[in-house]
Amino acid sequence: VFVSADNPLVESIARLYLTDRAKHDEIAAEWTLRFAR
């Protein structure tokens, strides 16, 4: 599945990605550690 910031699956995540990439990456890393075990 190809998802881009211009056609997001979850709008709030795409907005964060476009406006605050550092915070987006921080949250993504936390969720990966928490849920990808």
PDB file of N, CA and C in Angstrom:
ATOM      1  N   VAL A   1       0.849  -1.180   0.000  1.00  0.00           N
ATOM      2  CA  VAL A   1       0.000   0.000   0.000  1.00  0.00           C
ATOM      3  C   VAL A   1       0.884   1.229   0.000  1.00  0.00           C
ATOM      4  N   PHE A   2       0.669   2.111  -0.944  1.00  0.00           N
ATOM      5  CA  PHE A   2       1.429   3.354  -1.018  1.00  0.00           C
ATOM      6  C   PHE A   2       0.577   4.473  -0.447  1.00  0.00           C
ATOM      7  N   VAL A   3       1.107   5.141   0.551  1.00  0.00           N
ATOM      8  CA  VAL A   3       0.417   6.272   1.165  1.00  0.00           C
ATOM      9  C   VAL A   3       1.382   7.441   1.175  1.00  0.00           C
ATOM     10  N   SER A   4       0.908   8.599   0.772  1.00  0.00           N
ATOM     11  CA  SER A   4       1.757   9.788   0.788  1.00  0.00           C
ATOM     12  C   SER A   4       1.134  10.845   1.683  1.00  0.00           C
ATOM     13  N   ALA A   5       1.906  11.857   2.024  1.00  0.00           N
ATOM     14  CA  ALA A   5       1.396  12.944   2.862  1.00  0.00           C
ATOM     15  C   ALA A   5       0.311  13.734   2.136  1.00  0.00           C
ATOM     16  N   ASP A   6       0.307  13.673   0.811  1.00  0.00           N
ATOM     17  CA  ASP A   6      -0.715  14.369   0.031  1.00  0.00           C
ATOM     18  C   ASP A   6      -2.032  13.610  -0.017  1.00  0.00           C
ATOM     19  N   ASN A   7      -1.995  12.314   0.275  1.00  0.00           N
ATOM     20  CA  ASN A   7      -3.184  11.473   0.251  1.00  0.00           C
ATOM     21  C   ASN A   7      -3.127  10.540   1.464  1.00  0.00           C
ATOM     22  N   PRO A   8      -3.277  11.112   2.663  1.00  0.00           N
ATOM     23  CA  PRO A   8      -3.013  10.336   3.878  1.00  0.00           C
ATOM     24  C   PRO A   8      -4.115   9.359   4.249  1.00  0.00           C
ATOM     25  N   LEU A   9      -3.699   8.293   4.892  1.00  0.00           N
ATOM     26  CA  LEU A   9      -4.644   7.362   5.487  1.00  0.00           C
ATOM     27  C   LEU A   9      -5.209   7.973   6.767  1.00  0.00           C
ATOM     28  N   VAL A  10      -4.335   8.638   7.546  1.00  0.00           N
ATOM     29  CA  VAL A  10      -4.736   9.319   8.778  1.00  0.00           C
ATOM     30  C   VAL A  10      -4.268  10.768   8.664  1.00  0.00           C
ATOM     31  N   GLU A  11      -5.215  11.687   8.527  1.00  0.00           N
ATOM     32  CA  GLU A  11      -4.889  13.083   8.261  1.00  0.00           C
ATOM     33  C   GLU A  11      -4.044  13.721   9.358  1.00  0.00           C
ATOM     34  N   SER A  12      -4.336  13.422  10.614  1.00  0.00           N
ATOM     35  CA  SER A  12      -3.592  14.051  11.710  1.00  0.00           C
ATOM     36  C   SER A  12      -2.117  13.640  11.705  1.00  0.00           C
ATOM     37  N   ILE A  13      -1.838  12.403  11.328  1.00  0.00           N
ATOM     38  CA  ILE A  13      -0.447  11.949  11.259  1.00  0.00           C
ATOM     39  C   ILE A  13       0.273  12.646  10.104  1.00  0.00           C
ATOM     40  N   ALA A  14      -0.374  12.764   8.977  1.00  0.00           N
ATOM     41  CA  ALA A  14       0.230  13.448   7.833  1.00  0.00           C
ATOM     42  C   ALA A  14       0.490  14.912   8.161  1.00  0.00           C
ATOM     43  N   ARG A  15      -0.434  15.549   8.854  1.00  0.00           N
ATOM     44  CA  ARG A  15      -0.258  16.953   9.229  1.00  0.00           C
ATOM     45  C   ARG A  15       0.965  17.109  10.132  1.00  0.00           C
ATOM     46  N   LEU A  16       1.099  16.216  11.117  1.00  0.00           N
ATOM     47  CA  LEU A  16       2.251  16.260  12.008  1.00  0.00           C
ATOM     48  C   LEU A  16       3.538  16.020  11.218  1.00  0.00           C
ATOM     49  N   TYR A  17       3.526  15.076  10.302  1.00  0.00           N
ATOM     50  CA  TYR A  17       4.691  14.775   9.465  1.00  0.00           C
ATOM     51  C   TYR A  17       5.130  16.010   8.681  1.00  0.00           C
ATOM     52  N   LEU A  18       4.165  16.743   8.157  1.00  0.00           N
ATOM     53  CA  LEU A  18       4.484  17.910   7.336  1.00  0.00           C
ATOM     54  C   LEU A  18       4.864  19.135   8.158  1.00  0.00           C
ATOM     55  N   THR A  19       4.355  19.246   9.378  1.00  0.00           N
ATOM     56  CA  THR A  19       4.583  20.461  10.160  1.00  0.00           C
ATOM     57  C   THR A  19       5.637  20.314  11.244  1.00  0.00           C
ATOM     58  N   ASP A  20       5.858  19.098  11.738  1.00  0.00           N
ATOM     59  CA  ASP A  20       6.822  18.884  12.825  1.00  0.00           C
ATOM     60  C   ASP A  20       7.430  17.495  12.676  1.00  0.00           C
ATOM     61  N   ARG A  21       8.338  17.372  11.720  1.00  0.00           N
ATOM     62  CA  ARG A  21       8.906  16.062  11.388  1.00  0.00           C
ATOM     63  C   ARG A  21       9.614  15.425  12.582  1.00  0.00           C
ATOM     64  N   ALA A  22      10.307  16.226  13.394  1.00  0.00           N
ATOM     65  CA  ALA A  22      11.030  15.673  14.543  1.00  0.00           C
ATOM     66  C   ALA A  22      10.062  15.031  15.533  1.00  0.00           C
ATOM     67  N   LYS A  23       8.953  15.696  15.828  1.00  0.00           N
ATOM     68  CA  LYS A  23       7.955  15.144  16.751  1.00  0.00           C
ATOM     69  C   LYS A  23       7.314  13.897  16.147  1.00  0.00           C
ATOM     70  N   HIS A  24       7.004  13.933  14.859  1.00  0.00           N
ATOM     71  CA  HIS A  24       6.445  12.773  14.168  1.00  0.00           C
ATOM     72  C   HIS A  24       7.365  11.570  14.319  1.00  0.00           C
ATOM     73  N   ASP A  25       8.658  11.779  14.062  1.00  0.00           N
ATOM     74  CA  ASP A  25       9.619  10.680  14.139  1.00  0.00           C
ATOM     75  C   ASP A  25       9.757  10.161  15.564  1.00  0.00           C
ATOM     76  N   GLU A  26       9.687  11.056  16.543  1.00  0.00           N
ATOM     77  CA  GLU A  26       9.753  10.653  17.953  1.00  0.00           C
ATOM     78  C   GLU A  26       8.574   9.750  18.316  1.00  0.00           C
ATOM     79  N   ILE A  27       7.379  10.155  17.927  1.00  0.00           N
ATOM     80  CA  ILE A  27       6.176   9.366  18.213  1.00  0.00           C
ATOM     81  C   ILE A  27       6.222   8.036  17.462  1.00  0.00           C
ATOM     82  N   ALA A  28       6.657   8.063  16.215  1.00  0.00           N
ATOM     83  CA  ALA A  28       6.754   6.826  15.429  1.00  0.00           C
ATOM     84  C   ALA A  28       7.715   5.840  16.086  1.00  0.00           C
ATOM     85  N   ALA A  29       8.827   6.332  16.587  1.00  0.00           N
ATOM     86  CA  ALA A  29       9.793   5.455  17.256  1.00  0.00           C
ATOM     87  C   ALA A  29       9.202   4.869  18.536  1.00  0.00           C
ATOM     88  N   GLU A  30       8.494   5.694  19.312  1.00  0.00           N
ATOM     89  CA  GLU A  30       7.858   5.211  20.543  1.00  0.00           C
ATOM     90  C   GLU A  30       6.827   4.127  20.233  1.00  0.00           C
ATOM     91  N   TRP A  31       5.993   4.371  19.235  1.00  0.00           N
ATOM     92  CA  TRP A  31       4.954   3.401  18.889  1.00  0.00           C
ATOM     93  C   TRP A  31       5.566   2.115  18.346  1.00  0.00           C
ATOM     94  N   THR A  32       6.657   2.239  17.594  1.00  0.00           N
ATOM     95  CA  THR A  32       7.327   1.049  17.075  1.00  0.00           C
ATOM     96  C   THR A  32       7.849   0.197  18.221  1.00  0.00           C
ATOM     97  N   LEU A  33       8.492   0.834  19.196  1.00  0.00           N
ATOM     98  CA  LEU A  33       8.993   0.088  20.352  1.00  0.00           C
ATOM     99  C   LEU A  33       7.859  -0.546  21.147  1.00  0.00           C
ATOM    100  N   ARG A  34       6.763   0.164  21.286  1.00  0.00           N
ATOM    101  CA  ARG A  34       5.648  -0.315  22.100  1.00  0.00           C
ATOM    102  C   ARG A  34       4.858  -1.432  21.424  1.00  0.00           C
ATOM    103  N   PHE A  35       4.585  -1.307  20.144  1.00  0.00           N
ATOM    104  CA  PHE A  35       3.630  -2.206  19.497  1.00  0.00           C
ATOM    105  C   PHE A  35       4.242  -3.218  18.528  1.00  0.00           C
ATOM    106  N   ALA A  36       5.514  -3.083  18.187  1.00  0.00           N
ATOM    107  CA  ALA A  36       6.112  -3.985  17.200  1.00  0.00           C
ATOM    108  C   ALA A  36       6.985  -5.051  17.860  1.00  0.00           C
ATOM    109  N   ARG A  37       6.611  -5.437  19.045  1.00  0.00           N
ATOM    110  CA  ARG A  37       7.383  -6.467  19.738  1.00  0.00           C
ATOM    111  C   ARG A  37       6.784  -7.821  19.517  1.00  0.00           C
TER     112      ARG A  37
END
